[in-house]
Every structure is written in structure tokens, then in C-alpha cells.
């Protein structure tokens, strides 16, 4: 159904955006507060970003936006002001027009911190291992530093990319010991207490598919037996059932969660920034879970 041009809009800016689940729960939030707003998908190229942001700056027909791949870092350089997390991470996923200016926020950090509350563990992690050094890893590293971890290891196919990621976040990592290594160099000595998976391996793959089995075999080869037995696992990817990483972890008896609630909580925080009203978290969660096939 095409957007209703008579209603105030909130956009999702990215390329592609057609598979996004965000409209399913953001529009529930708007209806809950009887706001005539509509959350809509707006595919946009990098070349068109400045023009689209100018429309947002007017703040009349468009009340705000989310930003997804591949534009989060570009938008950070195009808005007029950055919130603290967006400034630290160097990426924006939420834009709010305010008095003719655009303020860029990063609610992925908040979303990840809330996601971690879903683990069956109340202990404080000391050493965290992050698998992958792509754009999603930036918010994860920042959130982990804030959560109180004392050591972060980023493992990536290209260790140089992992080094660059850590260097770019140095301001927020002064109290944390950091190391970048190659994925194939992971050894028992890494000894993580928390693993966070951020790569694209197995994204969207359902159990029984070849893509799922391929990813599962890759993660089964990690030296689990030599790592601490009280190990928690977070996968920022999600599916209707379970991701390959979560399947491996749970088969080993480990506490593991996927990233669906990270999507929810980054969205509820964005909702509150746009509307200045409390997000109705449970109705929004119900709508998201139904959209992904969990209810």
C-alpha cells in the first residue's frame, strides 16, 4: 500500500529497505498514541541523501527518520548536530528535525544494551569477543565499553579492518583493553566470557537450508571446548526460529539470544525521540514478533 500523502511521515532511509520490519511495530506505536503519523519505506541512493535530508529539515510533512545500511555513516556527516552516541560511533540511525536543524542519534547502542538484558545471566562480563568488524560492530563495541567490560577482542577476516574500527572508537575505549585479530587465528587463549556475532554469515537463513548449515559448521569450529563454560552468546542477527550462531550455542548448553529485541529497542528509543511520548513497548513487541513469525 503506498504512503498516504495527507499524513505526517516518518521515513526509513536506506537501500534496500523493502524487507524492513520496522513499519510493523512503529505504526502500532503511532496508533497507540492516536497520532496520524505513518512510518514508510524510502529507498534512497547516496547521491540523493542531501536532498532528502533537506526535506526532513523542513519538519512539516516529515517528522523524523530512521537510517539503515548503507547510509548510517554518511548521514552522520550531513546532519547539523549529533547526539553523544552518534558522535562516538560515527553513525546515525535516527534523525529528528528540530527548529530547522537536523539532530542525528544512534539508538543502536541503547538497543544492544537492552538486548543484553535478555541473557540468562546477571554477571558482569570481563572479556568480550566480537565476531566481525562491519558497521554493526561499531555500536556493539561502544555499548560493551559502557557496560563495564574490561577487555574487547574484535575478530575479523581482515584484522586490519578490526584495528581500524577500534582506532576510530578510541575516545570511548580509554578504560578498555582492546585487541584486533584474524577470525582464523581465534585460539583458546582468547577465553571470552561473552561472544557477540555481528557478521553477515547466515543472515536470513532458516534451519534446514544449506546457508544455515554452512554457517553452523563455521561456528562449530570455534574452540568452544577450550573456552570458559559459563559463556554467554549474543547474535545481533535474527530469524523466525533461531540463527546458526544461536543454534550452536544452545546445543552447547550456553545462554544465547538473537538480535530481534535489539531491533525493537532501538526502534522504541527512536519513537520516543520523534514523538516525545513513551513508547508502548509491549504492543510494539507483539507486532514485531508477529511480523517475523514468532507469534
Protein backbone atom coordinates (compact mmCIF):
# COMPACT_ATOMS: atom_id res chain seq x y z
CA UNK A 1 0.00 0.00 0.00
CA UNK A 2 1.53 3.38 -0.99
CA UNK A 3 2.07 6.05 1.71
CA UNK A 4 -0.81 8.42 2.40
CA UNK A 5 0.49 11.89 1.38
CA UNK A 6 -2.01 13.61 3.67
CA UNK A 7 -0.48 12.11 6.83
CA UNK A 8 2.77 13.17 8.57
CA UNK A 9 5.52 10.74 7.65
CA UNK A 10 8.45 9.07 9.37
CA UNK A 11 10.83 7.59 6.84
CA UNK A 12 13.22 4.68 6.77
CA UNK A 13 16.13 5.75 4.57
CA UNK A 14 18.37 3.11 3.05
CA UNK A 15 18.99 0.87 0.08
CA UNK A 16 17.35 -1.61 0.06
CA UNK A 17 14.54 -1.15 2.61
CA UNK A 18 11.69 -3.29 1.29
CA UNK A 19 12.31 -6.16 3.73
CA UNK A 20 12.31 -3.96 6.85
CA UNK A 21 10.15 -5.00 9.80
CA UNK A 22 10.16 -1.52 11.33
CA UNK A 23 6.79 -0.38 9.87
CA UNK A 24 5.09 -3.34 11.54
CA UNK A 25 5.75 -2.05 15.04
CA UNK A 26 6.37 1.68 14.63
CA UNK A 27 2.89 2.21 13.18
CA UNK A 28 1.43 0.33 16.15
CA UNK A 29 3.12 2.87 18.41
CA UNK A 30 1.67 5.79 16.46
CA UNK A 31 -1.84 4.30 16.63
CA UNK A 32 -1.46 3.66 20.36
CA UNK A 33 -0.97 7.39 20.93
CA UNK A 34 -3.62 8.29 18.31
CA UNK A 35 -1.03 10.05 16.18
CA UNK A 36 -1.98 10.28 12.49
CA UNK A 37 1.64 9.55 11.54
CA UNK A 38 2.76 6.87 9.10
CA UNK A 39 6.10 5.04 9.09
CA UNK A 40 7.08 4.45 5.47
CA UNK A 41 9.96 2.99 3.49
CA UNK A 42 12.01 5.44 1.45
CA UNK A 43 14.73 3.81 -0.66
CA UNK A 44 17.37 6.43 -1.36
CA UNK A 45 20.72 6.48 -3.14
CA UNK A 46 23.82 8.08 -1.68
CA UNK A 47 23.60 10.84 -4.29
CA UNK A 48 20.05 11.74 -3.23
CA UNK A 49 20.72 11.82 0.52
CA UNK A 50 21.40 15.60 0.83
CA UNK A 51 18.17 16.47 -0.99
CA UNK A 52 16.12 14.03 1.10
CA UNK A 53 17.61 15.39 4.32
CA UNK A 54 16.66 18.91 3.24
CA UNK A 55 13.03 17.74 3.07
CA UNK A 56 13.40 16.41 6.60
CA UNK A 57 14.90 19.68 7.75
CA UNK A 58 11.64 21.47 6.96
CA UNK A 59 9.97 19.34 9.64
CA UNK A 60 6.42 19.69 8.34
CA UNK A 61 5.30 16.70 6.28
CA UNK A 62 8.14 14.53 7.63
CA UNK A 63 8.57 14.26 11.40
CA UNK A 64 11.70 12.13 11.50
CA UNK A 65 13.59 9.23 10.01
CA UNK A 66 15.44 6.03 10.66
CA UNK A 67 18.60 5.35 8.67
CA UNK A 68 19.81 1.91 7.69
CA UNK A 69 22.57 0.47 5.50
CA UNK A 70 24.44 1.78 3.67
CA UNK A 71 23.86 5.38 4.82
CA UNK A 72 24.43 5.49 8.59
CA UNK A 73 27.95 6.91 8.43
CA UNK A 74 27.17 9.28 5.56
CA UNK A 75 24.21 10.79 7.40
CA UNK A 76 26.44 11.44 10.42
CA UNK A 77 28.31 13.90 8.24
CA UNK A 78 25.19 15.56 6.81
CA UNK A 79 23.12 16.42 9.88
CA UNK A 80 23.57 19.65 11.86
CA UNK A 81 24.11 18.12 15.29
CA UNK A 82 24.99 14.73 16.73
CA UNK A 83 23.84 13.10 19.93
CA UNK A 84 26.58 11.66 22.19
CA UNK A 85 26.35 8.06 20.96
CA UNK A 86 26.18 9.10 17.31
CA UNK A 87 29.26 11.28 17.80
CA UNK A 88 31.18 8.44 19.44
CA UNK A 89 30.13 5.73 17.00
CA UNK A 90 30.32 7.95 13.91
CA UNK A 91 26.99 6.62 12.64
CA UNK A 92 23.38 7.81 12.73
CA UNK A 93 20.31 5.59 12.64
CA UNK A 94 17.73 8.15 13.84
CA UNK A 95 17.15 11.71 12.64
CA UNK A 96 14.95 14.30 14.35
CA UNK A 97 14.11 17.68 12.76
CA UNK A 98 14.25 20.45 15.32
CA UNK A 99 13.79 24.18 14.60
CA UNK A 100 15.10 23.94 11.06
CA UNK A 101 18.05 21.76 12.05
CA UNK A 102 18.61 18.02 11.97
CA UNK A 103 19.82 16.16 15.03
CA UNK A 104 21.30 12.71 14.42
CA UNK A 105 21.16 10.00 17.08
CA UNK A 106 22.42 6.45 17.36
CA UNK A 107 19.87 4.30 19.18
CA UNK A 108 21.63 1.03 18.23
CA UNK A 109 23.83 1.41 21.34
CA UNK A 110 20.73 1.62 23.54
CA UNK A 111 19.12 -1.26 21.66
CA UNK A 112 22.11 -3.52 22.17
CA UNK A 113 22.34 -2.75 25.88
CA UNK A 114 18.67 -3.63 26.31
CA UNK A 115 19.14 -6.79 24.26
CA UNK A 116 21.86 -7.97 26.64
CA UNK A 117 19.35 -7.81 29.48
CA UNK A 118 17.64 -10.79 27.85
CA UNK A 119 20.51 -13.13 28.61
CA UNK A 120 20.03 -15.67 31.40
CA UNK A 121 22.98 -14.15 33.18
CA UNK A 122 23.24 -11.40 35.75
CA UNK A 123 27.01 -11.41 35.99
CA UNK A 124 29.39 -8.73 34.81
CA UNK A 125 31.43 -9.76 31.79
CA UNK A 126 35.15 -9.05 31.82
CA UNK A 127 36.32 -10.13 28.36
CA UNK A 128 34.15 -9.87 25.24
CA UNK A 129 34.81 -11.29 21.79
CA UNK A 130 33.14 -9.60 18.82
CA UNK A 131 32.96 -11.60 15.59
CA UNK A 132 33.03 -9.19 12.66
CA UNK A 133 34.16 -5.58 12.16
CA UNK A 134 31.45 -4.19 9.89
CA UNK A 135 29.22 -1.20 10.52
CA UNK A 136 27.07 -3.03 13.07
CA UNK A 137 30.12 -3.71 15.23
CA UNK A 138 30.65 -0.03 15.98
CA UNK A 139 27.58 0.32 18.18
CA UNK A 140 28.32 -3.04 19.82
CA UNK A 141 31.85 -2.01 20.82
CA UNK A 142 30.60 1.31 22.21
CA UNK A 143 27.82 -0.41 24.17
CA UNK A 144 30.16 -3.03 25.62
CA UNK A 145 32.60 -0.35 26.77
CA UNK A 146 29.74 1.41 28.53
CA UNK A 147 28.52 -1.82 30.11
CA UNK A 148 31.77 -2.22 32.02
CA UNK A 149 33.69 -4.91 30.14
CA UNK A 150 37.41 -4.57 30.71
CA UNK A 151 38.69 -6.28 27.56
CA UNK A 152 37.38 -6.39 23.98
CA UNK A 153 38.72 -8.60 21.18
CA UNK A 154 37.46 -7.94 17.65
CA UNK A 155 37.98 -10.84 15.25
CA UNK A 156 37.51 -10.27 11.54
CA UNK A 157 38.61 -11.89 8.28
CA UNK A 158 40.70 -8.74 7.79
CA UNK A 159 42.39 -7.90 11.11
CA UNK A 160 43.35 -4.53 9.62
CA UNK A 161 39.67 -3.63 9.42
CA UNK A 162 39.23 -4.64 13.05
CA UNK A 163 42.20 -2.45 14.01
CA UNK A 164 40.69 0.50 12.12
CA UNK A 165 37.35 0.04 13.88
CA UNK A 166 38.96 0.10 17.32
CA UNK A 167 41.11 3.09 16.43
CA UNK A 168 38.06 5.06 15.29
CA UNK A 169 36.35 4.42 18.65
CA UNK A 170 39.41 5.12 20.78
CA UNK A 171 37.75 8.03 22.60
CA UNK A 172 35.24 5.70 24.23
CA UNK A 173 37.68 2.86 24.87
CA UNK A 174 40.19 4.50 27.19
CA UNK A 175 39.30 2.22 30.10
CA UNK A 176 39.18 -0.95 27.98
CA UNK A 177 41.99 -3.21 26.77
CA UNK A 178 41.41 -3.84 23.05
CA UNK A 179 42.84 -6.30 20.54
CA UNK A 180 42.21 -6.97 16.85
CA UNK A 181 42.86 -10.44 15.43
CA UNK A 182 42.04 -12.52 12.37
CA UNK A 183 38.98 -14.77 12.57
CA UNK A 184 41.05 -17.82 11.66
CA UNK A 185 43.51 -17.00 14.46
CA UNK A 186 40.98 -17.48 17.27
CA UNK A 187 42.53 -19.70 19.94
CA UNK A 188 41.78 -20.97 23.45
CA UNK A 189 43.83 -18.09 24.87
CA UNK A 190 41.14 -15.58 23.82
CA UNK A 191 38.98 -17.01 26.63
CA UNK A 192 35.89 -14.80 26.24
CA UNK A 193 33.07 -14.59 28.75
CA UNK A 194 30.75 -13.03 26.17
CA UNK A 195 30.63 -13.54 22.38
CA UNK A 196 28.80 -11.15 20.08
CA UNK A 197 28.22 -12.19 16.48
CA UNK A 198 27.90 -9.29 14.00
CA UNK A 199 28.86 -10.82 10.64
CA UNK A 200 26.50 -11.40 7.72
CA UNK A 201 27.20 -15.14 7.64
CA UNK A 202 23.87 -16.97 7.82
CA UNK A 203 21.71 -13.83 7.83
CA UNK A 204 18.15 -14.75 6.86
CA UNK A 205 18.91 -18.47 6.73
CA UNK A 206 16.35 -20.78 8.31
CA UNK A 207 17.14 -24.20 9.87
CA UNK A 208 17.48 -26.93 7.27
CA UNK A 209 18.69 -24.62 4.49
CA UNK A 210 22.15 -25.01 3.00
CA UNK A 211 23.06 -21.45 4.04
CA UNK A 212 22.08 -22.23 7.63
CA UNK A 213 24.10 -25.45 7.71
CA UNK A 214 27.13 -23.77 6.15
CA UNK A 215 27.12 -21.04 8.78
CA UNK A 216 26.52 -23.55 11.57
CA UNK A 217 29.54 -25.59 10.50
CA UNK A 218 31.72 -22.47 10.51
CA UNK A 219 30.74 -21.52 14.06
CA UNK A 220 31.01 -25.09 15.34
CA UNK A 221 34.72 -24.92 14.51
CA UNK A 222 35.38 -22.26 17.14
CA UNK A 223 37.35 -23.63 20.13
CA UNK A 224 34.29 -23.78 22.39
CA UNK A 225 35.61 -26.66 24.50
CA UNK A 226 38.69 -24.66 25.49
CA UNK A 227 36.75 -21.51 26.38
CA UNK A 228 35.03 -20.81 29.73
CA UNK A 229 31.96 -22.97 30.28
CA UNK A 230 29.95 -20.03 31.67
CA UNK A 231 29.94 -18.26 28.32
CA UNK A 232 27.11 -16.04 27.04
CA UNK A 233 26.36 -15.52 23.34
CA UNK A 234 24.60 -12.66 21.55
CA UNK A 235 23.80 -12.73 17.84
CA UNK A 236 22.63 -9.36 16.53
CA UNK A 237 21.02 -11.15 13.58
CA UNK A 238 17.55 -12.70 13.98
CA UNK A 239 15.12 -15.11 12.35
CA UNK A 240 11.69 -16.62 12.98
CA UNK A 241 13.26 -19.57 14.82
CA UNK A 242 16.96 -19.36 15.62
CA UNK A 243 20.12 -18.21 13.88
CA UNK A 244 23.04 -20.57 13.16
CA UNK A 245 25.12 -18.99 15.94
CA UNK A 246 22.31 -19.27 18.49
CA UNK A 247 21.71 -22.89 17.44
CA UNK A 248 25.37 -23.77 18.03
CA UNK A 249 25.49 -22.01 21.39
CA UNK A 250 22.29 -23.56 22.72
CA UNK A 251 23.35 -27.02 21.61
CA UNK A 252 26.39 -26.50 23.84
CA UNK A 253 24.13 -25.50 26.73
CA UNK A 254 25.10 -21.83 26.64
CA UNK A 255 22.83 -18.85 27.26
CA UNK A 256 22.17 -17.20 23.88
CA UNK A 257 19.88 -14.55 22.43
CA UNK A 258 19.41 -13.22 18.91
CA UNK A 259 19.04 -9.61 17.82
CA UNK A 260 15.27 -9.22 17.39
CA UNK A 261 14.93 -7.29 20.64
CA UNK A 262 17.80 -5.03 19.59
CA UNK A 263 15.68 -4.05 16.59
CA UNK A 264 12.72 -3.48 18.91
CA UNK A 265 14.55 -1.35 21.46
CA UNK A 266 16.49 0.79 19.02
CA UNK A 267 13.08 1.44 17.47
CA UNK A 268 11.29 2.27 20.71
CA UNK A 269 14.03 4.74 21.62
CA UNK A 270 13.74 6.35 18.17
CA UNK A 271 9.95 6.52 18.61
CA UNK A 272 10.39 8.49 21.82
CA UNK A 273 12.84 10.89 20.19
CA UNK A 274 10.39 11.63 17.35
CA UNK A 275 7.19 11.85 19.35
CA UNK A 276 8.35 12.92 22.83
CA UNK A 277 5.96 10.26 24.15
CA UNK A 278 6.66 6.95 25.89
CA UNK A 279 6.83 4.01 23.52
CA UNK A 280 4.18 1.32 24.14
CA UNK A 281 6.82 -1.39 24.26
CA UNK A 282 4.64 -4.49 24.70
CA UNK A 283 2.17 -3.76 21.85
CA UNK A 284 5.15 -2.89 19.63
CA UNK A 285 6.91 -6.12 20.63
CA UNK A 286 3.79 -8.17 19.87
CA UNK A 287 3.53 -6.62 16.42
CA UNK A 288 7.21 -7.20 15.65
CA UNK A 289 7.17 -10.82 16.82
CA UNK A 290 4.05 -11.48 14.75
CA UNK A 291 5.67 -9.91 11.69
CA UNK A 292 8.77 -12.09 11.98
CA UNK A 293 6.68 -15.21 12.54
CA UNK A 294 7.19 -15.87 16.24
CA UNK A 295 3.52 -15.47 17.14
